[in-house]
Amino acid sequence: MAYDTATGNVVLFGGYSGSTWFTDTWTWDGSAWTQQAPPASPPGRAGGSMAYDAATSTVVAFGGQNRHGELFSGTWTWGSN
């Protein structure tokens, strides 16, 4: 989860709960969560990191692991541009 300064929203991707690995993207505008439908998104993961990159006005997601414990090393971006 990371705060997107360009849009003023919080962006949430993925996660794990019990036996479910999530691959969905949500944004929080301060009053409501909205599920997003990006044209492409990374595989489901837990334990990754997200941060806002002011130079590109995007949220960058990195790392995490899948249901088999394999670690991801790629980056994905979310942004309004």
C-alpha atoms as a PDB file:
ATOM      1  CA  MET A   1       0.000   0.000   0.000  1.00  0.00           C
ATOM      2  CA  ALA A   2       1.269   3.488  -0.823  1.00  0.00           C
ATOM      3  CA  TYR A   3      -0.014   7.054  -0.973  1.00  0.00           C
ATOM      4  CA  ASP A   4      -0.245   8.414  -4.526  1.00  0.00           C
ATOM      5  CA  THR A   5       0.563  12.110  -4.178  1.00  0.00           C
ATOM      6  CA  ALA A   6      -0.469  12.846  -7.787  1.00  0.00           C
ATOM      7  CA  THR A   7      -4.058  11.696  -7.216  1.00  0.00           C
ATOM      8  CA  GLY A   8      -4.365  12.058  -3.442  1.00  0.00           C
ATOM      9  CA  ASN A   9      -5.374   8.388  -3.175  1.00  0.00           C
ATOM     10  CA  VAL A  10      -3.965   5.407  -1.343  1.00  0.00           C
ATOM     11  CA  VAL A  11      -3.225   2.448  -3.659  1.00  0.00           C
ATOM     12  CA  LEU A  12      -3.453  -1.145  -2.414  1.00  0.00           C
ATOM     13  CA  PHE A  13      -2.424  -4.214  -4.405  1.00  0.00           C
ATOM     14  CA  GLY A  14      -2.451  -7.909  -3.598  1.00  0.00           C
ATOM     15  CA  GLY A  15      -2.075  -9.520  -0.233  1.00  0.00           C
ATOM     16  CA  TYR A  16      -2.757 -12.806   1.499  1.00  0.00           C
ATOM     17  CA  SER A  17      -5.481 -13.934   3.861  1.00  0.00           C
ATOM     18  CA  GLY A  18      -5.495 -17.513   5.094  1.00  0.00           C
ATOM     19  CA  SER A  19      -5.456 -19.485   1.839  1.00  0.00           C
ATOM     20  CA  THR A  20      -6.349 -16.673  -0.588  1.00  0.00           C
ATOM     21  CA  TRP A  21      -3.752 -14.753  -2.628  1.00  0.00           C
ATOM     22  CA  PHE A  22      -5.155 -11.475  -3.932  1.00  0.00           C
ATOM     23  CA  THR A  23      -4.400  -9.963  -7.343  1.00  0.00           C
ATOM     24  CA  ASP A  24      -6.713  -6.978  -7.171  1.00  0.00           C
ATOM     25  CA  THR A  25      -5.946  -3.268  -7.054  1.00  0.00           C
ATOM     26  CA  TRP A  26      -7.924  -0.840  -4.881  1.00  0.00           C
ATOM     27  CA  THR A  27      -7.748   2.904  -4.278  1.00  0.00           C
ATOM     28  CA  TRP A  28      -8.922   4.860  -1.222  1.00  0.00           C
ATOM     29  CA  ASP A  29      -9.897   8.506  -1.734  1.00  0.00           C
ATOM     30  CA  GLY A  30     -10.404   9.301   1.942  1.00  0.00           C
ATOM     31  CA  SER A  31     -14.021   8.196   2.055  1.00  0.00           C
ATOM     32  CA  ALA A  32     -14.442   5.068  -0.093  1.00  0.00           C
ATOM     33  CA  TRP A  33     -12.519   2.119  -1.511  1.00  0.00           C
ATOM     34  CA  THR A  34     -12.820   1.630  -5.282  1.00  0.00           C
ATOM     35  CA  GLN A  35     -11.711  -1.536  -7.048  1.00  0.00           C
ATOM     36  CA  GLN A  36      -9.629  -0.712 -10.112  1.00  0.00           C
ATOM     37  CA  ALA A  37      -9.343  -2.641 -13.380  1.00  0.00           C
ATOM     38  CA  PRO A  38      -5.854  -1.999 -14.775  1.00  0.00           C
ATOM     39  CA  PRO A  39      -5.139  -3.463 -18.236  1.00  0.00           C
ATOM     40  CA  ALA A  40      -2.215  -5.415 -16.747  1.00  0.00           C
ATOM     41  CA  SER A  41      -1.156  -6.248 -13.223  1.00  0.00           C
ATOM     42  CA  PRO A  42       1.453  -8.376 -11.485  1.00  0.00           C
ATOM     43  CA  PRO A  43       0.814 -11.888 -10.199  1.00  0.00           C
ATOM     44  CA  GLY A  44      -0.728 -12.212  -6.738  1.00  0.00           C
ATOM     45  CA  ARG A  45       1.751 -11.678  -3.945  1.00  0.00           C
ATOM     46  CA  ALA A  46       2.183 -10.918  -0.280  1.00  0.00           C
ATOM     47  CA  GLY A  47       4.947  -9.112   1.551  1.00  0.00           C
ATOM     48  CA  GLY A  48       5.851  -6.743  -1.275  1.00  0.00           C
ATOM     49  CA  SER A  49       6.637  -3.063  -0.898  1.00  0.00           C
ATOM     50  CA  MET A  50       5.108   0.002  -2.524  1.00  0.00           C
ATOM     51  CA  ALA A  51       6.277   3.605  -2.586  1.00  0.00           C
ATOM     52  CA  TYR A  52       5.473   6.811  -4.449  1.00  0.00           C
ATOM     53  CA  ASP A  53       8.071   7.992  -6.995  1.00  0.00           C
ATOM     54  CA  ALA A  54       7.771  11.772  -7.316  1.00  0.00           C
ATOM     55  CA  ALA A  55      10.071  11.870 -10.363  1.00  0.00           C
ATOM     56  CA  THR A  56       7.605   9.815 -12.431  1.00  0.00           C
ATOM     57  CA  SER A  57       4.379  10.541 -10.485  1.00  0.00           C
ATOM     58  CA  THR A  58       3.760   6.820 -10.090  1.00  0.00           C
ATOM     59  CA  VAL A  59       3.431   4.287  -7.312  1.00  0.00           C
ATOM     60  CA  VAL A  60       6.061   1.562  -7.653  1.00  0.00           C
ATOM     61  CA  ALA A  61       5.501  -1.972  -6.344  1.00  0.00           C
ATOM     62  CA  PHE A  62       8.469  -4.256  -5.758  1.00  0.00           C
ATOM     63  CA  GLY A  63       9.078  -7.760  -4.494  1.00  0.00           C
ATOM     64  CA  GLY A  64       6.911 -10.007  -2.385  1.00  0.00           C
ATOM     65  CA  GLN A  65       6.396 -13.736  -2.614  1.00  0.00           C
ATOM     66  CA  ASN A  66       3.884 -16.096  -4.177  1.00  0.00           C
ATOM     67  CA  ARG A  67       1.980 -19.032  -2.656  1.00  0.00           C
ATOM     68  CA  HIS A  68       4.998 -21.303  -3.174  1.00  0.00           C
ATOM     69  CA  GLY A  69       7.349 -19.020  -1.233  1.00  0.00           C
ATOM     70  CA  GLU A  70       9.155 -17.927  -4.409  1.00  0.00           C
ATOM     71  CA  LEU A  71      10.380 -14.337  -4.248  1.00  0.00           C
ATOM     72  CA  PHE A  72       9.554 -11.713  -6.883  1.00  0.00           C
ATOM     73  CA  SER A  73      12.169  -9.159  -7.913  1.00  0.00           C
ATOM     74  CA  GLY A  74      10.398  -7.176 -10.650  1.00  0.00           C
ATOM     75  CA  THR A  75       8.767  -3.775 -10.374  1.00  0.00           C
ATOM     76  CA  TRP A  76       5.320  -2.634 -11.441  1.00  0.00           C
ATOM     77  CA  THR A  77       4.001   0.922 -11.607  1.00  0.00           C
ATOM     78  CA  TRP A  78       0.619   2.491 -11.059  1.00  0.00           C
ATOM     79  CA  GLY A  79       0.013   6.060 -12.140  1.00  0.00           C
ATOM     80  CA  SER A  80      -2.247   8.574 -13.694  1.00  0.00           C
ATOM     81  CA  ASN A  81       0.093   9.274 -16.610  1.00  0.00           C
END
